[in-house]
Protein backbone atom coordinates (compact mmCIF):
# COMPACT_ATOMS: atom_id res chain seq x y z
CA MET A 1 17.04 -6.14 32.57
CA ALA A 2 15.04 -3.28 33.41
CA ALA A 3 10.86 -3.36 32.18
CA GLY A 4 11.61 -0.89 29.06
CA ASN A 5 14.83 -2.62 27.86
CA ALA A 6 13.07 -6.42 27.89
CA GLU A 7 10.32 -4.33 26.07
CA ARG A 8 12.58 -3.16 23.23
CA GLU A 9 14.05 -6.30 23.74
CA ALA A 10 11.01 -8.53 22.32
CA GLU A 11 10.64 -5.74 19.60
CA TRP A 12 13.88 -6.29 18.06
CA TRP A 13 12.86 -6.37 14.71
CA ARG A 14 10.59 -2.24 14.99
CA GLY A 15 13.42 -0.34 13.31
CA CYS A 16 15.65 -3.09 13.04
CA VAL A 17 18.25 -3.14 9.71
CA ILE A 18 18.14 -6.96 8.06
CA TYR A 19 20.62 -7.64 5.68
CA GLN A 20 19.68 -10.12 3.20
CA ILE A 21 22.25 -12.97 2.01
CA TYR A 22 21.44 -15.13 -1.35
CA PRO A 23 23.24 -18.45 -0.13
CA ARG A 24 24.22 -19.43 -3.84
CA SER A 25 26.32 -16.18 -4.77
CA PHE A 26 27.99 -14.70 -1.17
CA GLN A 27 30.64 -17.14 -0.43
CA ASP A 28 31.85 -20.62 -1.35
CA SER A 29 34.02 -22.59 1.13
CA THR A 30 34.68 -25.71 -1.27
CA GLY A 31 35.36 -24.80 -4.61
CA ASP A 32 32.17 -25.88 -6.37
CA GLY A 33 31.20 -22.47 -7.83
CA SER A 34 28.59 -22.33 -5.48
CA GLY A 35 27.77 -20.07 -2.07
CA ASP A 36 27.16 -22.16 0.77
CA LEU A 37 26.40 -22.16 4.56
CA LYS A 38 30.16 -22.37 6.05
CA GLY A 39 31.08 -19.72 3.71
CA ILE A 40 28.70 -17.47 4.87
CA THR A 41 29.37 -18.39 8.46
CA ALA A 42 33.14 -17.15 7.72
CA ARG A 43 31.78 -13.77 6.15
CA LEU A 44 29.69 -13.21 9.15
CA ALA A 45 31.87 -10.24 10.81
CA HIS A 46 31.48 -8.42 7.45
CA VAL A 47 28.08 -8.27 7.84
CA ALA A 48 28.28 -7.59 11.99
CA SER A 49 30.64 -4.62 10.81
CA LEU A 50 28.53 -3.09 9.45
CA GLY A 51 25.78 -2.43 12.28
CA ILE A 52 22.85 -5.25 10.91
CA ASP A 53 20.39 -6.10 13.51
CA ALA A 54 19.65 -9.27 11.61
CA ILE A 55 20.06 -11.75 8.52
CA TRP A 56 17.51 -12.75 6.07
CA LEU A 57 18.86 -15.84 4.56
CA SER A 58 17.57 -16.94 1.22
CA PRO A 59 16.39 -20.43 0.66
CA PHE A 60 19.01 -23.61 1.56
CA PHE A 61 16.13 -26.11 2.25
CA LYS A 62 16.73 -29.54 -0.17
CA SER A 63 15.28 -28.69 -3.44
CA PRO A 64 15.54 -29.40 -7.26
CA MET A 65 16.73 -25.76 -7.55
CA ALA A 66 13.98 -25.46 -10.33
CA ASP A 67 13.48 -21.98 -9.19
CA MET A 68 17.10 -21.60 -7.05
CA GLY A 69 15.46 -23.02 -4.30
CA TYR A 70 12.05 -21.25 -3.81
CA ASP A 71 11.05 -24.81 -4.82
CA VAL A 72 11.23 -26.56 -1.58
CA SER A 73 11.41 -31.00 -1.58
CA ASP A 74 12.39 -31.16 1.85
CA TYR A 75 11.21 -28.36 4.91
CA ARG A 76 13.50 -29.89 7.54
CA ASP A 77 16.79 -30.60 5.62
CA VAL A 78 19.38 -28.65 4.33
CA ASP A 79 20.12 -29.11 0.80
CA PRO A 80 23.71 -30.81 0.04
CA MET A 81 24.85 -27.99 -2.13
CA PHE A 82 24.96 -25.62 0.70
CA GLY A 83 25.83 -27.98 3.47
CA THR A 84 24.51 -29.78 6.54
CA LEU A 85 21.86 -29.20 9.20
CA GLU A 86 25.14 -29.10 11.14
CA ASP A 87 26.38 -26.01 8.98
CA PHE A 88 23.56 -24.74 10.00
CA ASP A 89 23.51 -25.07 13.61
CA ALA A 90 26.97 -23.45 13.18
CA LEU A 91 25.78 -20.71 11.42
CA VAL A 92 23.09 -19.79 13.74
CA ALA A 93 25.11 -19.77 17.02
CA GLU A 94 28.09 -17.46 15.42
CA ALA A 95 25.42 -15.52 14.42
CA HIS A 96 24.22 -15.17 17.59
CA ARG A 97 27.64 -14.43 19.00
CA LEU A 98 28.25 -11.68 16.82
CA GLY A 99 24.73 -10.16 17.82
CA LEU A 100 22.89 -11.03 15.02
CA LYS A 101 19.37 -12.30 14.91
CA LEU A 102 18.83 -14.73 12.10
CA ILE A 103 15.72 -15.17 9.39
CA ILE A 104 14.71 -17.88 6.92
CA ASP A 105 13.04 -17.65 4.10
CA GLN A 106 9.72 -19.71 4.91
CA VAL A 107 8.40 -20.43 1.20
CA ILE A 108 4.89 -22.54 2.14
CA SER A 109 2.56 -21.21 -0.66
CA HIS A 110 3.64 -23.62 -2.72
CA SER A 111 6.52 -26.75 -2.69
CA SER A 112 8.30 -28.30 -5.25
CA ASP A 113 6.75 -30.86 -7.54
CA LYS A 114 9.47 -33.52 -6.19
CA HIS A 115 8.11 -33.50 -2.88
CA GLU A 116 6.81 -36.24 -0.91
CA TRP A 117 3.37 -34.51 -0.36
CA PHE A 118 2.91 -33.91 -3.82
CA VAL A 119 4.08 -37.37 -5.30
CA GLU A 120 1.46 -38.99 -3.10
CA SER A 121 -1.19 -36.35 -4.07
CA ARG A 122 -0.68 -36.89 -7.42
CA ALA A 123 -1.71 -40.43 -7.08
CA GLY A 124 -4.93 -39.49 -6.11
CA GLY A 125 -7.40 -41.93 -5.34
CA ASP A 126 -7.47 -42.79 -1.32
CA SER A 127 -4.43 -40.96 -0.66
CA ALA A 128 -3.77 -39.76 2.30
CA LYS A 129 -2.77 -36.14 0.92
CA ALA A 130 -5.08 -36.42 -2.11
CA ASP A 131 -6.38 -33.06 -1.26
CA TRP A 132 -3.08 -31.27 -0.36
CA TYR A 133 -2.72 -29.46 -3.43
CA VAL A 134 -5.01 -27.42 -5.59
CA TRP A 135 -6.44 -29.85 -8.21
CA ALA A 136 -9.46 -29.62 -10.66
CA ASP A 137 -11.01 -31.15 -12.90
CA ALA A 138 -10.66 -29.72 -17.14
CA LYS A 139 -13.54 -28.28 -19.01
CA PRO A 140 -15.19 -30.33 -20.84
CA ASP A 141 -13.38 -28.94 -24.06
CA GLY A 142 -10.27 -30.28 -22.28
CA SER A 143 -9.02 -26.56 -21.09
CA ALA A 144 -8.15 -25.49 -18.06
CA PRO A 145 -10.30 -25.17 -14.99
CA ASN A 146 -10.50 -21.48 -15.38
CA ASN A 147 -8.36 -18.10 -16.52
CA TRP A 148 -6.05 -18.10 -13.82
CA GLN A 149 -2.24 -16.84 -15.18
CA SER A 150 0.67 -17.81 -13.50
CA LEU A 151 3.21 -14.86 -12.40
CA PHE A 152 5.97 -16.85 -14.42
CA GLY A 153 3.62 -16.31 -17.68
CA GLY A 154 1.25 -18.16 -19.43
CA PRO A 155 -1.67 -20.29 -17.74
CA ALA A 156 -1.65 -20.92 -13.64
CA TRP A 157 -2.89 -24.36 -14.54
CA GLU A 158 -0.99 -27.79 -15.35
CA TRP A 159 -2.22 -30.70 -17.16
CA ASP A 160 -1.46 -34.16 -15.03
CA ALA A 161 -1.46 -37.17 -16.76
CA THR A 162 -1.07 -39.35 -13.76
CA ARG A 163 -3.71 -37.77 -11.89
CA ARG A 164 -5.74 -36.70 -15.09
CA GLN A 165 -6.48 -33.34 -13.96
CA TYR A 166 -5.08 -29.98 -13.62
CA TYR A 167 -3.28 -28.85 -10.47
CA MET A 168 -2.62 -24.86 -9.97
CA HIS A 169 1.03 -23.15 -9.99
CA ASN A 170 1.24 -19.77 -9.15
CA PHE A 171 4.69 -19.69 -10.11
CA LEU A 172 6.59 -22.42 -12.23
CA ALA A 173 4.71 -25.93 -13.00
CA ALA A 174 7.22 -27.52 -11.06
CA GLN A 175 5.96 -25.29 -8.00
CA PRO A 176 2.47 -26.70 -7.31
CA ASP A 177 0.49 -24.40 -5.02
CA LEU A 178 -0.47 -25.98 -1.52
CA ASN A 179 -4.17 -26.37 -0.46
CA PHE A 180 -4.41 -24.13 2.76
CA HIS A 181 -8.27 -24.89 2.69
CA ASN A 182 -7.48 -28.51 3.89
CA PRO A 183 -6.18 -27.72 7.76
CA GLU A 184 -3.83 -31.17 7.93
CA VAL A 185 -2.09 -29.09 5.22
CA GLN A 186 -1.57 -25.75 7.79
CA ASP A 187 -0.70 -28.34 10.68
CA ALA A 188 2.27 -29.91 8.53
CA LEU A 189 3.66 -26.60 7.51
CA LEU A 190 3.11 -24.92 10.98
CA ASP A 191 4.97 -28.09 12.14
CA THR A 192 7.59 -27.65 10.05
CA VAL A 193 7.97 -23.96 10.82
CA ARG A 194 8.55 -25.46 14.54
CA PHE A 195 11.44 -27.59 13.84
CA TRP A 196 13.87 -24.37 12.66
CA LEU A 197 12.22 -22.38 15.81
CA GLU A 198 13.46 -25.70 18.02
CA ARG A 199 16.85 -24.93 16.03
CA GLY A 200 17.25 -21.35 17.26
CA VAL A 201 16.28 -18.91 14.22
CA ASP A 202 15.11 -15.93 15.44
CA GLY A 203 12.05 -15.01 12.91
CA PHE A 204 11.07 -16.00 9.50
CA ARG A 205 10.75 -13.55 5.69
CA LEU A 206 7.50 -14.96 4.55
CA ASP A 207 7.65 -15.55 0.78
CA THR A 208 4.59 -14.44 -1.39
CA VAL A 209 2.46 -14.55 2.23
CA ASN A 210 -0.87 -13.23 0.36
CA TYR A 211 -0.63 -16.02 -2.00
CA TYR A 212 -1.58 -18.85 0.25
CA PHE A 213 -5.09 -18.91 -0.19
CA HIS A 214 -6.94 -19.46 -3.38
CA ASP A 215 -10.60 -19.07 -4.40
CA ARG A 216 -12.79 -21.91 -3.26
CA TRP A 217 -15.05 -22.14 -6.39
CA LEU A 218 -12.32 -20.85 -8.71
CA ARG A 219 -13.94 -17.93 -10.31
CA ASP A 220 -12.27 -16.16 -12.90
CA ASN A 221 -10.09 -13.16 -12.38
CA PRO A 222 -11.30 -9.96 -14.43
CA PRO A 223 -9.54 -8.03 -16.97
CA LEU A 224 -7.58 -4.55 -15.94
CA ALA A 225 -9.36 -1.79 -17.96
CA ALA A 226 -6.07 -1.32 -19.06
CA SER A 227 -6.12 -4.54 -20.54
CA VAL A 228 -9.49 -4.17 -22.13
CA ALA A 229 -8.68 -0.85 -23.28
CA GLY A 230 -5.86 -2.27 -25.10
CA THR A 231 -3.20 0.01 -23.02
CA ASN A 232 -1.62 -2.71 -21.17
CA GLY A 233 2.07 -2.79 -21.53
CA ALA A 234 2.78 -6.04 -19.80
CA THR A 235 5.08 -8.37 -20.75
CA THR A 236 3.72 -11.09 -19.35
CA THR A 237 -0.06 -12.65 -19.35
CA TYR A 238 -0.15 -12.59 -15.31
CA ALA A 239 -0.24 -8.37 -15.47
CA PHE A 240 -3.34 -8.57 -17.93
CA GLN A 241 -5.78 -9.09 -14.76
CA GLU A 242 -7.17 -8.09 -10.86
CA HIS A 243 -6.26 -10.92 -9.00
CA LEU A 244 -9.56 -11.15 -6.89
CA PHE A 245 -9.63 -14.95 -6.83
CA ASP A 246 -6.11 -16.50 -7.20
CA LYS A 247 -4.58 -14.65 -3.75
CA THR A 248 -5.30 -12.35 -1.29
CA ARG A 249 -8.16 -14.34 -0.13
CA PRO A 250 -9.91 -13.34 3.49
CA GLU A 251 -8.96 -16.56 5.13
CA ASN A 252 -5.45 -15.79 5.55
CA LEU A 253 -6.12 -13.96 7.90
CA ASP A 254 -7.19 -17.03 9.89
CA PHE A 255 -3.81 -18.72 9.31
CA LEU A 256 -2.10 -15.78 9.70
CA LYS A 257 -3.26 -15.78 13.74
CA ARG A 258 -2.45 -19.02 13.74
CA PHE A 259 1.13 -18.92 12.25
CA ARG A 260 1.61 -15.67 15.42
CA ALA A 261 0.14 -18.38 18.12
CA LEU A 262 3.19 -20.63 17.09
CA LEU A 263 5.34 -17.59 17.51
CA ASP A 264 4.29 -16.58 20.61
CA GLU A 265 5.24 -19.79 21.53
CA TYR A 266 9.17 -18.83 21.78
CA PRO A 267 10.35 -15.53 22.90
CA ASP A 268 11.47 -12.91 20.95
CA ARG A 269 10.68 -14.17 17.69
CA ALA A 270 9.21 -12.19 14.96
CA ALA A 271 7.92 -12.42 10.91
CA VAL A 272 8.16 -10.54 8.54
CA GLY A 273 5.73 -10.71 4.82
CA GLU A 274 6.19 -10.09 1.66
CA VAL A 275 3.24 -8.67 0.09
CA GLY A 276 3.10 -8.24 -3.70
CA ASP A 277 -0.63 -7.79 -4.50
CA GLU A 278 -0.19 -4.70 -7.14
CA ASP A 279 -2.94 -1.75 -6.08
CA ARG A 280 -3.76 -3.38 -2.85
CA SER A 281 -0.22 -3.67 -1.36
CA LEU A 282 -1.00 -1.59 0.97
CA GLN A 283 -4.67 -2.40 2.31
CA THR A 284 -3.04 -5.85 2.60
CA LEU A 285 0.25 -4.95 4.45
CA ALA A 286 -2.13 -3.17 6.85
CA ALA A 287 -4.40 -6.35 7.69
CA TYR A 288 -1.83 -8.56 7.80
CA THR A 289 0.07 -6.57 10.82
CA SER A 290 -3.05 -4.99 12.63
CA GLY A 291 -4.19 -5.96 15.54
CA GLY A 292 -1.12 -7.70 17.38
CA ASP A 293 -2.32 -11.12 16.71
CA LYS A 294 -0.48 -11.60 12.91
CA LEU A 295 2.53 -10.63 11.28
CA GLN A 296 5.08 -8.36 12.90
CA MET A 297 5.38 -6.35 9.69
CA CYS A 298 5.39 -6.82 5.95
CA TYR A 299 7.08 -5.24 3.08
CA THR A 300 5.56 -4.43 -0.42
CA PHE A 301 7.37 -3.47 -3.85
CA ASP A 302 6.31 0.11 -4.05
CA LEU A 303 10.19 1.06 -3.74
CA LEU A 304 11.70 -1.53 -5.50
CA GLY A 305 10.29 0.21 -8.53
CA PRO A 306 12.07 1.97 -11.09
CA GLN A 307 10.18 5.64 -9.84
CA PHE A 308 13.05 8.17 -8.14
CA SER A 309 11.47 11.10 -6.76
CA ALA A 310 10.55 12.98 -3.21
CA ALA A 311 6.37 12.47 -4.48
CA HIS A 312 6.95 8.83 -5.31
CA VAL A 313 8.31 8.09 -1.73
CA ARG A 314 6.37 10.40 0.16
CA GLY A 315 3.10 8.94 -1.32
CA CYS A 316 4.32 5.67 -0.60
CA VAL A 317 5.24 6.72 3.17
CA GLU A 318 2.00 8.79 3.73
CA ALA A 319 -0.76 5.93 2.00
CA PHE A 320 1.07 3.26 4.55
CA GLU A 321 0.73 6.00 7.21
CA ASN A 322 -2.56 6.80 6.63
CA ALA A 323 -3.40 3.22 6.07
CA VAL A 324 -1.72 1.11 9.47
CA ALA A 325 -2.93 2.24 12.61
CA ASP A 326 -0.91 -0.55 14.35
CA GLY A 327 0.99 -2.21 11.94
CA TRP A 328 4.52 -2.21 10.90
CA VAL A 329 6.57 -2.09 7.62
CA CYS A 330 10.03 -2.98 6.33
CA TRP A 331 11.46 -0.75 3.59
CA ALA A 332 13.76 -2.31 0.97
CA PHE A 333 15.51 -0.99 -2.23
CA SER A 334 16.96 -3.97 -3.64
CA ASN A 335 16.61 -7.45 -3.28
CA HIS A 336 16.99 -10.86 -5.34
CA ASP A 337 14.36 -10.06 -7.74
CA VAL A 338 14.67 -6.51 -8.69
CA VAL A 339 17.54 -4.73 -10.77
CA ARG A 340 19.79 -3.26 -8.23
CA HIS A 341 18.51 0.24 -6.86
CA VAL A 342 21.88 2.01 -8.44
CA SER A 343 21.39 0.72 -11.78
CA ARG A 344 17.73 1.89 -11.55
CA TRP A 345 18.01 4.84 -9.98
CA THR A 346 21.36 6.43 -11.56
CA ARG A 347 20.65 8.98 -14.12
CA PRO A 348 22.88 9.48 -17.19
CA GLY A 349 25.78 11.55 -16.12
CA GLU A 350 25.29 10.97 -12.31
CA ASN A 351 27.88 9.45 -10.04
CA PRO A 352 26.69 6.07 -9.18
CA ASP A 353 28.45 5.99 -5.63
CA ALA A 354 26.42 9.46 -4.96
CA VAL A 355 23.41 7.81 -5.37
CA ALA A 356 24.26 4.73 -3.28
CA LYS A 357 24.95 7.03 -0.60
CA PHE A 358 22.04 9.30 -1.10
CA SER A 359 19.72 5.81 -1.11
CA ILE A 360 21.28 4.46 2.25
CA ALA A 361 20.70 8.07 3.86
CA LEU A 362 17.16 8.14 2.88
CA LEU A 363 16.50 4.48 3.65
CA ALA A 364 18.04 5.22 7.16
CA CYS A 365 15.79 7.94 8.29
CA LEU A 366 12.25 6.44 6.79
CA ARG A 367 10.05 5.20 9.71
CA GLY A 368 9.87 1.76 9.81
CA SER A 369 12.30 -1.30 9.91
CA ILE A 370 14.81 -1.54 6.48
CA CYS A 371 16.21 -4.71 4.35
CA LEU A 372 19.71 -4.17 2.90
CA TYR A 373 20.84 -6.51 0.21
CA GLN A 374 23.93 -8.37 -0.05
CA GLY A 375 26.29 -5.93 -2.67
CA GLU A 376 24.67 -3.06 -2.37
CA GLU A 377 26.79 -1.76 0.48
CA LEU A 378 29.41 -1.82 -1.94
CA GLY A 379 27.35 0.42 -4.55
CA LEU A 380 27.31 -2.76 -6.87
CA ASP A 381 25.31 -2.10 -9.76
CA GLU A 382 23.10 -4.48 -12.24
CA ALA A 383 25.51 -7.21 -13.86
CA GLU A 384 25.04 -7.40 -17.49
CA LEU A 385 24.84 -11.10 -18.57
CA ALA A 386 24.64 -12.72 -22.04
CA TYR A 387 22.39 -15.07 -22.29
CA GLU A 388 24.29 -18.22 -22.35
CA ASP A 389 25.13 -17.34 -18.82
CA LEU A 390 21.62 -17.34 -17.42
CA ARG A 391 20.70 -19.30 -14.77
CA ASP A 392 17.02 -17.40 -14.04
CA PRO A 393 13.98 -19.64 -15.88
CA LEU A 394 11.77 -16.24 -16.29
CA GLY A 395 14.53 -14.90 -18.09
CA ILE A 396 15.52 -17.75 -19.81
CA ARG A 397 11.85 -18.13 -21.54
CA PHE A 398 11.15 -14.61 -21.70
CA TRP A 399 14.38 -12.83 -22.77
CA PRO A 400 14.42 -10.41 -24.78
CA GLY A 401 12.15 -9.09 -22.92
CA VAL A 402 12.62 -9.79 -20.01
CA LYS A 403 16.24 -10.29 -18.46
CA GLY A 404 15.53 -11.93 -15.73
CA ARG A 405 16.74 -11.53 -12.07
CA ASP A 406 20.31 -12.76 -12.20
CA GLY A 407 22.13 -9.52 -13.00
CA CYS A 408 21.17 -8.86 -9.51
CA ARG A 409 22.60 -12.41 -8.07
CA THR A 410 25.57 -12.32 -9.27
CA PRO A 411 28.78 -13.18 -6.59
CA MET A 412 29.37 -11.15 -3.65
CA VAL A 413 33.10 -10.04 -4.27
CA TRP A 414 35.28 -9.92 -1.07
CA GLU A 415 39.17 -9.25 -2.77
CA ALA A 416 39.59 -7.27 -5.78
CA GLY A 417 43.06 -9.32 -6.85
CA ALA A 418 41.72 -12.59 -6.15
CA GLU A 419 40.37 -15.37 -8.37
CA ASN A 420 36.37 -14.40 -8.88
CA GLY A 421 36.58 -11.51 -6.30
CA GLY A 422 37.36 -14.19 -3.22
CA PHE A 423 33.71 -15.60 -3.82
CA SER A 424 35.21 -18.84 -5.15
CA THR A 425 38.28 -21.20 -6.28
CA GLY A 426 35.80 -23.06 -9.00
CA LYS A 427 34.02 -21.24 -12.07
CA PRO A 428 30.82 -19.14 -10.32
CA TRP A 429 27.56 -20.62 -10.90
CA LEU A 430 27.04 -16.93 -12.45
CA PRO A 431 29.81 -14.27 -13.74
CA VAL A 432 31.49 -12.15 -11.39
CA PRO A 433 31.92 -8.56 -13.44
CA GLN A 434 35.36 -6.88 -13.39
CA ALA A 435 33.73 -3.71 -12.23
CA HIS A 436 32.19 -5.40 -9.46
CA ARG A 437 35.77 -6.90 -8.42
CA ASP A 438 37.05 -2.95 -8.90
CA ARG A 439 34.64 -2.43 -5.54
CA ALA A 440 35.40 -5.23 -3.17
CA VAL A 441 35.07 -4.97 0.36
CA ASP A 442 38.65 -5.04 0.82
CA VAL A 443 39.38 -2.30 -1.84
CA GLN A 444 36.77 0.43 0.09
CA ASN A 445 37.88 -1.12 3.57
CA GLY A 446 39.53 1.78 5.33
CA GLU A 447 38.49 4.53 2.58
CA GLU A 448 36.72 6.88 4.07
CA ARG A 449 34.93 8.25 1.43
CA SER A 450 33.88 4.67 -0.09
CA VAL A 451 30.27 3.43 -0.22
CA LEU A 452 30.95 1.12 2.58
CA ALA A 453 32.31 3.18 4.84
CA ALA A 454 29.02 5.58 4.28
CA TYR A 455 27.00 2.67 4.74
CA ARG A 456 28.77 1.99 8.14
CA SER A 457 28.68 5.52 9.37
CA ILE A 458 25.22 6.00 8.77
CA LEU A 459 24.04 2.92 9.91
CA ALA A 460 25.86 3.72 12.75
CA LEU A 461 24.06 7.77 13.12
CA ARG A 462 20.56 5.58 12.62
CA LYS A 463 21.68 3.38 16.04
CA ARG A 464 22.31 6.63 17.92
CA HIS A 465 19.15 8.56 17.63
CA ALA A 466 16.16 6.93 18.89
CA ALA A 467 13.93 9.04 16.82
CA LEU A 468 15.35 7.37 13.63
CA VAL A 469 14.69 3.98 14.97
CA GLY A 470 11.41 3.93 15.69
CA GLY A 471 10.13 7.41 15.90
CA SER A 472 7.13 9.76 14.65
CA ILE A 473 7.32 10.71 10.70
CA ARG A 474 5.91 14.14 9.42
CA PHE A 475 5.74 15.35 6.25
CA LEU A 476 6.70 19.14 5.43
CA ASP A 477 6.26 20.97 2.21
CA ALA A 478 8.67 21.49 -0.35
CA GLU A 479 8.95 22.72 -3.61
CA GLY A 480 10.59 20.59 -6.75
CA ASP A 481 11.81 17.06 -6.29
CA VAL A 482 12.91 17.60 -2.45
CA LEU A 483 11.30 15.69 0.32
CA ALA A 484 11.55 17.24 3.69
CA PHE A 485 9.81 15.09 7.43
CA VAL A 486 10.71 15.32 10.81
CA ARG A 487 11.40 12.40 12.69
CA GLU A 488 10.70 12.19 16.66
CA ARG A 489 10.83 10.38 19.67
CA ASP A 490 11.18 10.90 23.42
CA GLY A 491 12.09 14.31 23.08
CA GLU A 492 14.13 14.55 20.47
CA SER A 493 12.95 16.16 16.73
CA LEU A 494 15.24 15.32 13.88
CA LEU A 495 14.69 17.55 10.26
CA CYS A 496 15.81 15.63 7.20
CA LEU A 497 15.45 16.72 3.83
CA PHE A 498 16.73 15.06 0.70
CA ASN A 499 16.95 16.44 -2.65
CA PHE A 500 16.12 14.44 -5.58
CA ALA A 501 16.91 16.64 -8.57
CA GLY A 502 19.95 16.72 -10.22
CA ALA A 503 20.23 20.32 -9.76
CA ASP A 504 20.67 22.63 -6.96
CA ALA A 505 17.61 23.14 -4.78
CA GLY A 506 16.54 25.15 -1.54
CA TRP A 507 14.32 25.08 1.25
CA ALA A 508 12.73 28.10 3.69
CA LEU A 509 12.78 26.70 7.07
CA PRO A 510 8.97 27.16 8.24
CA PRO A 511 8.72 29.95 11.33
CA ASP A 512 7.82 27.23 14.00
CA ILE A 513 11.37 25.33 13.06
CA ALA A 514 14.55 26.08 14.12
CA VAL A 515 17.80 24.20 13.49
CA VAL A 516 19.73 23.67 16.62
CA GLU A 517 22.47 21.37 15.08
CA PRO A 518 23.29 20.02 11.83
CA ILE A 519 24.04 16.21 12.34
CA GLU A 520 26.89 15.11 9.81
CA LEU A 521 25.87 12.64 7.16
CA ALA A 522 28.44 10.76 5.38
CA VAL A 523 26.79 11.51 1.48
CA ASP A 524 29.28 13.20 -1.23
CA ALA A 525 26.65 15.85 -1.18
CA GLY A 526 25.46 17.61 2.47
CA GLY A 527 23.16 20.68 2.72
CA VAL A 528 24.12 23.92 4.05
CA LEU A 529 22.37 26.49 6.70
CA ASP A 530 22.41 29.86 5.55
CA GLU A 531 20.29 32.65 7.04
CA GLY A 532 17.08 30.15 7.40
CA VAL A 533 17.60 28.75 3.84
CA LEU A 534 19.16 25.02 3.06
CA ALA A 535 20.63 25.04 0.12
CA LEU A 536 20.46 21.20 -1.38
CA PRO A 537 23.32 20.53 -4.05
CA ALA A 538 22.06 17.75 -6.56
CA LEU A 539 21.50 14.56 -4.56
CA GLY A 540 21.98 16.48 -1.29
CA CYS A 541 20.79 15.64 1.75
CA PHE A 542 20.31 17.49 5.58
CA LEU A 543 19.69 16.23 9.04
CA GLY A 544 19.92 18.64 11.96
CA ARG A 545 18.08 18.17 15.20
CA ILE A 546 15.27 20.97 15.58
CA ALA A 547 13.77 22.59 18.62
């Protein structure tokens, strides 16, 4: 292999396309209503057909499922509902046969309260693991040690009658936080990472990567200015505080270096971190990906919200480019925790398919790696579920103010005419909406104007252009709701234009830019160049090679 090719293979993650699979909702092979590893293996050909580089597999570890697998009770085993270690090995082998990398979701900021480590830790006393979790005494009045709040609402502290202390939990009380200030905890967690590296995984998605460390002195978080002013419209108590002391602590940088050193013992491995850090997300992303000795890339929630405008996207991307000198970002529009972007961004009177095609064209042209969420290639929207159908603890607790995350987690639809859309022969763990069945894979396969066809075409186009995979990005001024930028690499320069507006727009070519060749995008509304002016219809896109 030539040196240049070897370098590109070692950095396969830079500019790659990742496809997130939510195992419980992808494919059921047993008829019990829940997806499993064998089901995923059987459907990998569909994933490969999209032009994907890597799979991100959400948690499949042994778990009581208080938070759908994000509460791990055994980091070295597969939960029986998903199969066995042998099933996992078969999945790895099939993914690699198809040329796909496999990234697994490593959830190490907290464990399940059923993990043997926590069972031993709560015994206290002379237990070897007494200090493996974050324990603290009650205040003299019996209240919690400080004012920290759980992301799932209420105090981030739970009283334990066995140990007669409080323990910290950033999420559910069933998810106690591990004490990363204890080197033994770090060692044990890194050993579990090595276990999966030895089984052939290509990388890790690090859940809540900035939540690992807490403030040693347990100092109170200050309130947000909006909370003091009485203008905070938050739906959970977590959003009332500035989270200075319960996450994103400086000690995390040294742990991430340890993690990277382990990763580097194995060739061509990579890690992507999930950063949820409110207004500090970009600074945190920059710190976690700089220097080549921590994470290869991170992603934030900047493009996972309701904002859908040229100004918002430009602001997010430019802020990242200005903040991060040598790091790398992974952009996503949907995942298992947010309302699907077709529902978030489709305005009244608009065609959801047009929004879906516009979105993948935009995502494919941004600088960075990109992550797709299962079902978005079909243009699936957010499912409307009844309260009695909910399984997400967040939605169950805060309904109806917060509907939870089940609406984006409903099963994948494979065959419109099959029972439950081909997902399962049993009753699915979440309902399969009829509207989703109408968009099944078998319906869209072979339809040249389908959302699925657009995904395949646009991702193939991205692979053909080095400038889109790893090139630089430079924004150009544009009026209205038009986003204009240039991608450049290895002598190739591409002009990218996107009209977010619900009406036609025009964009005059600057004097220093000449379009040599328009490049066809598989969208419903393409831009047309006429005498130096690009006419862009509503949700119109244009891609062209420039001199």
